[in-house]
Each structure stands twice: as structure tokens, then as C-alpha cells.
Protein backbone atom coordinates (compact mmCIF):
# COMPACT_ATOMS: atom_id res chain seq x y z
CA MET A 1 0.05 -0.03 0.05
CA PRO A 2 1.09 3.26 -0.91
CA LEU A 3 2.50 5.82 1.74
CA THR A 4 0.37 8.45 2.47
CA ALA A 5 0.47 12.06 1.83
CA ALA A 6 1.40 12.36 5.75
CA GLU A 7 2.97 10.05 5.92
CA THR A 8 5.28 11.21 2.69
CA ALA A 9 5.34 14.56 4.65
CA LEU A 10 6.64 13.22 7.74
CA ILE A 11 9.52 11.29 6.09
CA ALA A 12 10.88 14.35 4.26
CA GLN A 13 10.79 16.30 7.64
CA ALA A 14 13.17 13.34 9.44
CA ARG A 15 15.08 13.36 6.78
CA GLN A 16 16.18 16.97 7.45
CA LEU A 17 16.18 16.52 11.22
CA ALA A 18 19.09 13.68 10.19
CA ARG A 19 20.83 16.38 7.88
CA GLU A 20 20.98 19.29 10.15
CA GLN A 21 20.58 17.69 13.82
CA ILE A 22 21.26 13.94 13.94
CA SER A 23 24.23 13.34 11.87
CA PRO A 24 26.30 16.87 13.09
CA GLN A 25 25.73 16.27 16.33
CA ALA A 26 26.78 12.53 16.57
CA ALA A 27 30.13 12.72 16.78
CA ARG A 28 30.14 14.70 19.95
CA TRP A 29 27.39 12.06 21.16
CA GLU A 30 29.71 9.21 21.08
CA GLN A 31 32.95 11.57 22.76
CA GLU A 32 30.40 12.48 25.57
CA ARG A 33 28.86 8.80 25.45
CA ARG A 34 25.33 9.55 25.77
CA ILE A 35 22.13 9.55 24.38
CA GLY A 36 21.22 12.61 22.07
CA HIS A 37 18.21 14.19 24.17
CA GLU A 38 18.98 17.08 22.00
CA ALA A 39 17.67 15.46 19.06
CA LEU A 40 15.06 13.36 20.84
CA ALA A 41 13.27 16.83 21.21
CA ALA A 42 13.37 17.42 17.60
CA ALA A 43 11.98 14.25 17.16
CA VAL A 44 9.27 14.68 19.47
CA ALA A 45 8.43 17.84 18.36
CA LEU A 46 7.63 16.07 14.38
CA GLY A 47 5.21 13.69 16.43
CA LEU A 48 7.99 10.86 15.97
CA THR A 49 7.55 9.16 19.06
CA ARG A 50 3.88 8.57 18.50
CA LEU A 51 4.10 7.16 15.39
CA GLN A 52 1.96 4.05 15.78
CA VAL A 53 0.28 5.07 19.05
CA PRO A 54 -3.65 4.76 17.64
CA LEU A 55 -5.24 7.60 16.95
CA ALA A 56 -7.84 7.76 20.45
CA ALA A 57 -4.72 8.06 22.19
CA GLY A 58 -3.23 11.00 20.80
CA GLY A 59 -1.13 8.89 18.35
CA LEU A 60 -0.25 9.01 14.23
CA ASP A 61 -1.30 5.93 14.01
CA PHE A 62 1.15 5.45 10.68
CA SER A 63 2.33 2.73 8.59
CA PHE A 64 4.74 -0.01 9.32
CA ALA A 65 6.12 1.02 6.38
CA CYS A 66 6.36 4.30 7.19
CA LYS A 67 8.32 3.38 9.97
CA ALA A 68 10.70 1.58 8.13
CA GLU A 69 11.21 4.64 6.20
CA LEU A 70 11.51 6.63 9.17
CA ALA A 71 14.12 4.06 10.25
CA GLU A 72 16.10 4.28 7.20
CA VAL A 73 16.62 7.76 6.89
CA LEU A 74 17.34 8.44 10.53
CA ALA A 75 19.99 5.84 10.81
CA GLY A 76 21.47 7.82 7.90
CA GLY A 77 22.27 9.95 10.87
CA ASP A 78 22.99 8.02 13.68
CA PHE A 79 22.18 4.41 13.99
CA GLY A 80 22.38 4.57 17.88
CA PHE A 81 20.42 7.58 18.04
CA THR A 82 17.58 5.64 16.03
CA MET A 83 17.87 2.09 18.01
CA SER A 84 17.43 4.58 20.89
CA LEU A 85 14.32 6.60 19.52
CA ILE A 86 12.03 3.88 17.84
CA ASN A 87 12.61 2.22 21.25
CA THR A 88 11.08 4.25 23.19
CA HIS A 89 8.14 4.81 20.35
CA ASN A 90 7.66 0.88 20.89
CA VAL A 91 7.05 0.79 24.21
CA ALA A 92 4.82 3.87 23.92
CA ALA A 93 2.87 2.24 21.27
CA LYS A 94 2.61 -1.17 23.29
CA LEU A 95 1.21 0.32 26.01
CA ALA A 96 -1.62 2.51 23.71
CA ARG A 97 -2.73 -0.66 22.48
CA ASP A 98 -2.08 -3.67 25.39
CA ALA A 99 -2.09 -2.10 28.16
CA ALA A 100 -4.78 -1.48 31.08
CA PRO A 101 -5.70 2.10 30.45
CA ALA A 102 -5.08 3.23 33.87
CA VAL A 103 -1.50 2.04 33.53
CA ALA A 104 -0.85 3.55 29.74
CA ALA A 105 -2.53 7.11 31.01
CA ARG A 106 -0.18 6.62 33.79
CA TYR A 107 2.90 5.99 31.71
CA LEU A 108 2.23 7.30 27.65
CA PRO A 109 2.25 11.26 28.95
CA ASP A 110 6.01 11.22 29.75
CA LEU A 111 7.13 8.81 27.17
CA VAL A 112 5.73 10.54 24.29
CA ALA A 113 6.89 13.90 25.37
CA GLY A 114 10.52 12.06 25.92
CA ARG A 115 10.48 13.34 29.38
CA ARG A 116 10.89 9.08 30.25
CA LEU A 117 12.60 6.46 27.77
CA GLY A 118 11.32 3.31 27.15
CA CYS A 119 12.86 -0.21 26.35
CA THR A 120 12.17 -3.66 25.88
CA ALA A 121 13.75 -6.32 27.55
CA LEU A 122 14.35 -9.54 26.67
CA THR A 123 18.05 -10.58 26.48
CA GLU A 124 19.93 -11.52 29.71
CA PRO A 125 23.52 -12.66 30.49
CA GLY A 126 22.76 -16.13 29.90
CA ALA A 127 20.22 -15.47 27.39
CA GLY A 128 20.42 -13.73 24.09
CA SER A 129 18.94 -15.37 20.76
CA ASP A 130 17.37 -18.05 22.17
CA PHE A 131 14.88 -16.15 23.81
CA ALA A 132 12.75 -19.05 25.62
CA ALA A 133 16.22 -19.56 27.83
CA ILE A 134 15.25 -16.64 29.60
CA THR A 135 15.16 -17.03 33.49
CA THR A 136 14.05 -13.99 35.33
CA LEU A 137 11.22 -15.43 37.36
CA ALA A 138 7.68 -14.01 38.25
CA THR A 139 6.36 -15.78 41.13
CA ARG A 140 2.23 -15.00 42.00
CA CYS A 141 1.75 -13.51 44.88
CA ASP A 142 -1.03 -11.58 46.67
CA GLY A 143 -1.87 -8.75 44.08
CA GLY A 144 -0.18 -9.33 41.54
CA TRP A 145 3.96 -10.68 40.41
CA ARG A 146 7.23 -10.76 42.73
CA ILE A 147 10.20 -10.52 40.03
CA ASN A 148 13.50 -11.24 40.29
CA GLY A 149 16.21 -11.71 37.82
CA ALA A 150 18.76 -9.73 35.65
CA LYS A 151 18.82 -8.20 32.11
CA ALA A 152 21.32 -7.28 29.98
CA TRP A 153 22.29 -5.85 26.43
CA ILE A 154 19.51 -3.60 26.09
CA THR A 155 18.88 -0.84 24.17
CA ASN A 156 18.06 2.58 26.48
CA ALA A 157 18.84 0.89 29.95
CA ALA A 158 21.12 3.30 30.51
CA GLU A 159 18.66 5.38 31.00
CA ALA A 160 14.92 4.03 30.33
CA ASP A 161 12.21 3.72 33.67
CA VAL A 162 9.52 2.74 31.27
CA ILE A 163 10.20 -1.09 30.56
CA VAL A 164 8.49 -4.15 29.06
CA LEU A 165 10.07 -6.76 30.53
CA PHE A 166 9.37 -10.78 29.29
CA ALA A 167 9.79 -13.50 32.76
CA GLN A 168 9.49 -16.36 33.15
CA THR A 169 6.91 -18.22 34.85
CA GLU A 170 6.73 -21.93 34.99
CA PRO A 171 10.58 -22.59 34.85
CA GLY A 172 11.23 -25.66 32.26
CA SER A 173 8.18 -24.81 30.02
CA GLY A 174 10.26 -22.80 27.45
CA GLY A 175 7.99 -20.37 25.37
CA ARG A 176 4.94 -21.66 27.26
CA GLY A 177 5.49 -19.97 30.28
CA ILE A 178 6.75 -16.19 29.46
CA ALA A 179 4.63 -13.57 30.53
CA GLY A 180 5.07 -9.73 29.61
CA PHE A 181 4.93 -7.19 32.42
CA LEU A 182 5.41 -3.31 32.86
CA VAL A 183 8.24 -2.84 34.78
CA ASP A 184 8.46 0.82 36.88
CA GLY A 185 12.47 2.00 37.09
CA ARG A 186 12.01 4.30 39.83
CA ARG A 187 10.20 1.70 41.97
CA ALA A 188 11.91 -0.46 44.74
CA GLY A 189 13.16 -3.61 43.30
CA PHE A 190 14.97 -2.03 40.11
CA VAL A 191 18.86 -1.61 39.91
CA ARG A 192 20.03 -0.20 37.03
CA GLU A 193 23.55 -1.76 36.12
CA PRO A 194 26.61 0.80 34.68
CA ALA A 195 25.96 1.74 31.32
CA TYR A 196 28.17 -0.66 28.88
CA ALA A 197 31.55 0.88 28.22
CA LEU A 198 31.50 -0.19 24.19
CA GLY A 199 33.90 0.55 21.32
CA GLY A 200 31.12 2.51 19.62
CA GLN A 201 27.21 3.28 19.26
CA HIS A 202 26.86 4.82 22.98
CA SER A 203 24.18 6.42 21.30
CA ILE A 204 22.44 3.30 21.80
CA GLY A 205 22.51 3.74 26.08
CA THR A 206 22.99 0.07 26.15
CA GLY A 207 23.06 -1.37 29.51
CA GLY A 208 21.24 -3.65 31.91
CA PHE A 209 19.43 -3.78 35.33
CA ARG A 210 18.23 -6.58 38.11
CA LEU A 211 15.67 -6.91 39.76
CA THR A 212 15.40 -8.16 43.44
CA ASP A 213 11.89 -8.91 44.78
CA TYR A 214 10.55 -6.40 42.59
CA LEU A 215 6.14 -6.18 42.20
CA ALA A 216 4.39 -5.83 39.21
CA SER A 217 1.16 -5.27 39.98
CA ASP A 218 -1.52 -7.68 38.28
CA ASP A 219 -2.88 -5.00 36.15
CA GLU A 220 0.91 -4.54 34.89
CA LEU A 221 0.72 -7.64 33.27
CA LEU A 222 0.49 -6.73 29.90
CA HIS A 223 0.50 -10.43 28.14
CA PRO A 224 -0.20 -13.73 30.61
CA PRO A 225 1.71 -16.76 30.08
CA GLY A 226 0.77 -18.17 26.41
CA GLN A 227 0.41 -15.30 24.88
CA ALA A 228 3.59 -13.30 25.50
CA PHE A 229 5.87 -15.09 23.45
CA LYS A 230 4.03 -15.15 20.43
CA ALA A 231 3.38 -11.17 20.93
CA ALA A 232 7.25 -10.94 21.35
CA LEU A 233 7.71 -12.88 17.64
CA GLY A 234 5.59 -10.46 16.34
CA SER A 235 7.43 -7.86 17.60
CA ILE A 236 10.84 -9.15 16.79
CA ASN A 237 9.92 -9.72 13.39
CA GLY A 238 9.18 -5.84 12.95
CA ALA A 239 12.42 -5.15 14.42
CA ARG A 240 14.42 -7.12 11.94
CA THR A 241 12.54 -5.47 9.58
CA TYR A 242 13.19 -2.12 10.45
CA ILE A 243 17.07 -2.92 11.46
CA ALA A 244 17.47 -4.25 7.79
CA ALA A 245 15.98 -0.50 7.32
CA MET A 246 18.99 1.29 8.93
CA CYS A 247 21.34 -0.75 7.21
CA ASN A 248 20.35 0.58 4.56
CA GLY A 249 20.03 4.04 5.79
CA MET A 250 24.01 4.04 6.68
CA VAL A 251 25.02 2.36 3.08
CA ALA A 252 22.68 5.44 1.63
CA ASP A 253 24.26 7.73 3.50
CA ALA A 254 28.13 6.63 2.93
CA LEU A 255 27.17 6.49 -0.66
CA GLN A 256 25.85 10.13 -1.10
CA VAL A 257 29.12 10.95 1.00
CA ALA A 258 31.31 8.92 -1.10
CA TRP A 259 29.45 10.09 -4.33
CA ALA A 260 30.26 13.82 -3.74
CA TYR A 261 33.62 13.08 -2.90
CA GLY A 262 34.22 11.90 -6.02
CA GLN A 263 33.23 14.76 -8.09
CA GLN A 264 35.51 17.02 -6.20
CA ARG A 265 38.60 14.93 -5.30
CA SER A 266 41.52 14.85 -8.11
CA SER A 267 43.62 11.59 -8.63
CA PHE A 268 45.93 10.85 -11.60
CA GLY A 269 44.97 14.21 -13.03
CA GLN A 270 41.09 13.69 -13.15
CA ARG A 271 38.32 13.33 -10.77
CA LEU A 272 37.78 9.99 -8.88
CA ALA A 273 34.12 9.87 -9.95
CA ASP A 274 36.25 9.53 -14.10
CA HIS A 275 37.97 6.14 -12.85
CA GLN A 276 35.59 3.68 -14.12
CA GLY A 277 37.03 1.34 -11.10
CA TRP A 278 35.89 4.36 -8.71
CA ARG A 279 32.48 4.22 -10.13
CA TRP A 280 31.84 0.39 -10.41
CA ARG A 281 33.04 0.24 -6.54
CA LEU A 282 29.83 2.44 -5.89
CA ALA A 283 27.62 1.20 -8.39
CA GLU A 284 28.10 -1.95 -6.77
CA ALA A 285 27.23 -0.65 -3.59
CA ALA A 286 23.91 0.73 -4.80
CA SER A 287 22.58 -1.84 -7.09
CA GLU A 288 22.73 -4.38 -3.63
CA LEU A 289 21.11 -1.44 -1.66
CA ALA A 290 18.51 -1.44 -4.16
CA ALA A 291 17.85 -4.89 -3.76
CA CYS A 292 17.60 -5.01 0.38
CA ARG A 293 15.54 -1.91 -0.15
CA LEU A 294 13.08 -4.25 -1.96
CA MET A 295 13.06 -7.01 0.76
CA VAL A 296 12.57 -4.23 3.39
CA SER A 297 9.57 -3.18 1.53
CA ARG A 298 8.20 -6.91 0.94
CA ALA A 299 8.60 -7.64 4.61
CA ALA A 300 6.93 -4.28 5.41
CA GLU A 301 4.27 -5.01 3.30
CA LEU A 302 3.40 -8.13 5.32
CA ILE A 303 3.45 -7.26 8.66
CA ASP A 304 0.97 -4.33 7.33
CA ALA A 305 -1.38 -6.78 6.49
CA GLY A 306 -1.39 -8.13 10.01
CA GLN A 307 0.09 -11.26 9.29
CA ALA A 308 3.49 -10.61 11.78
CA THR A 309 4.18 -13.91 13.25
CA GLY A 310 2.99 -15.71 10.35
CA ALA A 311 5.34 -17.71 8.73
CA PRO A 312 5.81 -15.11 5.20
CA ALA A 313 6.33 -12.35 7.56
CA GLN A 314 9.01 -14.17 9.64
CA LEU A 315 10.86 -15.19 6.47
CA ALA A 316 10.87 -11.98 4.75
CA ALA A 317 12.15 -10.11 7.74
CA ALA A 318 14.67 -12.74 8.78
CA GLN A 319 16.27 -12.62 4.91
CA ALA A 320 15.97 -9.07 4.58
CA LYS A 321 17.81 -8.09 8.21
CA LEU A 322 20.49 -11.60 7.28
CA LEU A 323 21.19 -9.63 3.39
CA ALA A 324 20.91 -5.89 4.90
CA CYS A 325 23.17 -6.89 7.55
CA ARG A 326 25.67 -8.67 5.35
CA MET A 327 25.31 -5.95 2.62
CA ALA A 328 26.48 -2.98 4.89
CA ASP A 329 29.68 -4.93 6.49
CA ARG A 330 30.37 -5.63 2.54
CA GLN A 331 29.76 -1.80 1.61
CA LEU A 332 30.66 0.42 3.94
CA PRO A 333 34.29 -0.83 4.22
CA ALA A 334 34.23 -0.72 0.46
CA LEU A 335 32.98 2.77 0.20
CA ALA A 336 35.52 4.10 3.10
CA GLN A 337 37.92 2.67 0.82
CA ALA A 338 36.70 4.72 -1.84
CA MET A 339 37.47 7.94 0.16
CA GLY A 340 40.78 6.83 1.22
CA ALA A 341 42.29 8.38 3.96
CA GLU A 342 39.85 10.99 4.30
CA GLY A 343 37.21 8.96 5.38
CA LEU A 344 38.86 8.17 8.24
CA ARG A 345 37.92 12.06 9.85
CA GLU A 346 35.46 12.08 12.35
CA GLN A 347 33.53 14.38 10.00
CA HIS A 348 32.95 11.76 7.73
CA PRO A 349 30.08 8.46 9.21
CA PHE A 350 31.69 5.84 7.98
CA ALA A 351 33.43 4.62 11.83
CA ARG A 352 30.47 5.15 12.74
CA HIS A 353 28.33 3.34 10.33
CA LEU A 354 30.65 0.48 10.32
CA LEU A 355 29.85 0.32 14.43
CA GLY A 356 26.36 0.71 13.81
CA ALA A 357 26.62 -2.31 11.16
CA ARG A 358 28.30 -4.59 13.47
CA VAL A 359 25.28 -3.77 16.14
CA ALA A 360 23.34 -4.45 13.31
CA GLY A 361 24.25 -7.97 13.16
CA PHE A 362 23.57 -8.95 17.07
CA VAL A 363 20.66 -7.12 17.96
CA ASP A 364 16.83 -8.95 17.72
CA GLY A 365 18.28 -11.99 16.70
CA SER A 366 22.07 -12.66 15.54
CA THR A 367 22.84 -13.74 11.68
CA GLU A 368 23.72 -17.12 12.70
CA MET A 369 20.10 -17.25 14.00
CA LEU A 370 18.61 -16.09 11.31
CA LEU A 371 19.89 -18.80 8.92
CA GLU A 372 18.70 -21.36 11.61
CA ARG A 373 15.12 -19.53 11.48
CA ILE A 374 14.94 -19.26 7.39
CA CYS A 375 15.77 -22.88 7.85
CA ALA A 376 13.01 -23.57 10.00
CA VAL A 377 10.55 -21.71 8.18
CA MET A 378 11.41 -22.97 4.84
CA GLY A 379 11.06 -26.42 6.64
CA GLY A 380 7.69 -25.99 7.83
């Protein structure tokens, strides 16, 4: 389904945001090892934290295809910032759709205004792509649930305190016993770990936390056992699709920078752009980028059609992420090489995008796990 006029206009505004605010500030966020709150405020003003929040809850209720295009455009500015923004938006949209009205009313205004950040907590120190192996335990108690356990490698966990958390309610039951909860990081029993010191991409806010006898009320149960695993699977297919779009965005940005440089840089008496080998390198990148964009478009189409948990969407999302990540891993170094030593300057995005592509290869299912998922769906 084609994007609406309003969606197209928002994408144009997001492109301007990426060009004028995200990209120019990304190096400073990295130096200061922090989330880019300045650009978050501008994103809030555009309505990006309300993108898929229902109209009745004050949102825009735009399509997933629009979200995927926005992810591409914004990641061209900075992968980490885009991940941080989307994760806060995802929590807002989930609470608006799935939480009890009183719970949604308590948290939604602060999330969409950017006053509080959100995150989704699946991964644990001993369970990454193997989601069914999580051991954070939720035990029934009077008036709610008592939760104990640790989460690790969570986007936004360095600051987020509105958390959609998945926990096991029946050890040994695998996905069948997993439930989803709303967790408030300002409440007793929540202990935030220090933000992770990484090789780059600190604007993603990666970190972890522990829950010690944390009490979640009955109305903070978002998905009961038996439903949470399927809900998480649907969100993961969406995440794989927009991660693929973000890989496309980083390559598109690098391609644009390299192309502009080739028009003005001279080598052996002529412009770089006049050397056939140099042009062919960029042509290959542009062609692979076009193919990966089509794969993202197909996955987004299935998700918008309400098939987020179906086998076709699982396959399309996994294949899009697999190939977009591999395309970025291959083409970002090639485009950096096309810049020569100039590409090493901090003013250019290549080092930042290269780290972003590496992060993309791990989040929401590692590349190796995606290969297994593709085989499983093909065999089913």
C-alpha cells in the first residue's frame, strides 16, 4: 500500500532532522558517551514518538512501512540514536494498545513527550537470541507478581525506566511459560547497572539491570503466559525489518558522501568519479542497496497486512535483516576505501556506520540465528 501524503511529509521532515541535527551531533554524543537528547526533543516535536500510537490515544497511527522508511532515513544520521528513539516509541505504542487504560494513562504522556525513555527487555546474561531460555522469574503473589532476575544488552537501559519486560513464570516450560510485564525503573526492587563501555555507538544507551523482589501489580501484566511469546515474536519480526532498513540507511548515507567526494577529489590528473574502477565500486553498492530496500518493503507489506507472526513475515523479515546486514558489512568498508584516508576523519560517518552495522548483526537475532530461522520456516 502506498504511503499517505502525511506519511511522505513526515519522512521528508525526518530527512531534514537527520541532516541538520542528528548527523552533525553524532560524533559529540559518542565522545560524551550518551544518548542524543537534543535531537530526541526535535523528534518528539515531529511526532516520531507517537508514530504507531493509535489515534484515540493521541497518536498518528501511521503504517509500519512508514516506520521502516523513517528508520532508514534517521539511521543515515546515526544508528544508535535511531535505535534509542524507536525503542521508546515501541514501548509507547505497546502500552497504548495492550496495557490497562490506567497503566497507559500513567506512562504514555511522559514517553511521547520524551520525558522518560522506554526499553524492551528480553536478553539476559545467559540468554540472547535463544529467547525461550530466559530465566528471570515472575512468581504469583497477593495482588500481582514478584519478579527476580537480570537483563543485559538492552537498548536504552542506561536511562530507560519504562520497561516492557519478559519473564518466565514456569521454569522448564520454555516459551509457554513466558509472560510480559510493565516494569517501572523508579520503583523499589529495580537496580540499574552502569552503562556499558563499548567500542562505539554509545548513543544507543546499551546497558542492563537487576530486579530483586520487584512487585508488579496485576494490571501491569501486559501479556499472560501462553500469549507473551507470540507477542514478542511479532515484535521481533518488525524489529528485524526496521533494523534491515537502518542498515540500508547507513549504506545510503555513506554512498552519498563518497559520491560527493568523488566529484571534487582529483587523482592522477582526473576526478575520482572519472576512474572507471572507482565508479564501479559505488555502482555495486547502489545496486545491492536497491535489492535490500525491496526486501524491506516486502517484509513491511506483510506486517502492515496483519501477518507479523505468520511464516511469510518471519521469512521475509529474517531474510531482509540477514542480507541487509551482510550488505552493510561488505559495502561500508568498500565505500570507506573509496574515500581513501579522508574517510577516517571524524566529520565523515564511516567509522560510526561500521560500528552500527556490527551492532545490527547482533540485535533481534544474530546472523547465525537468522539462518536457522530461515531454514525452519522453509522446512515448515
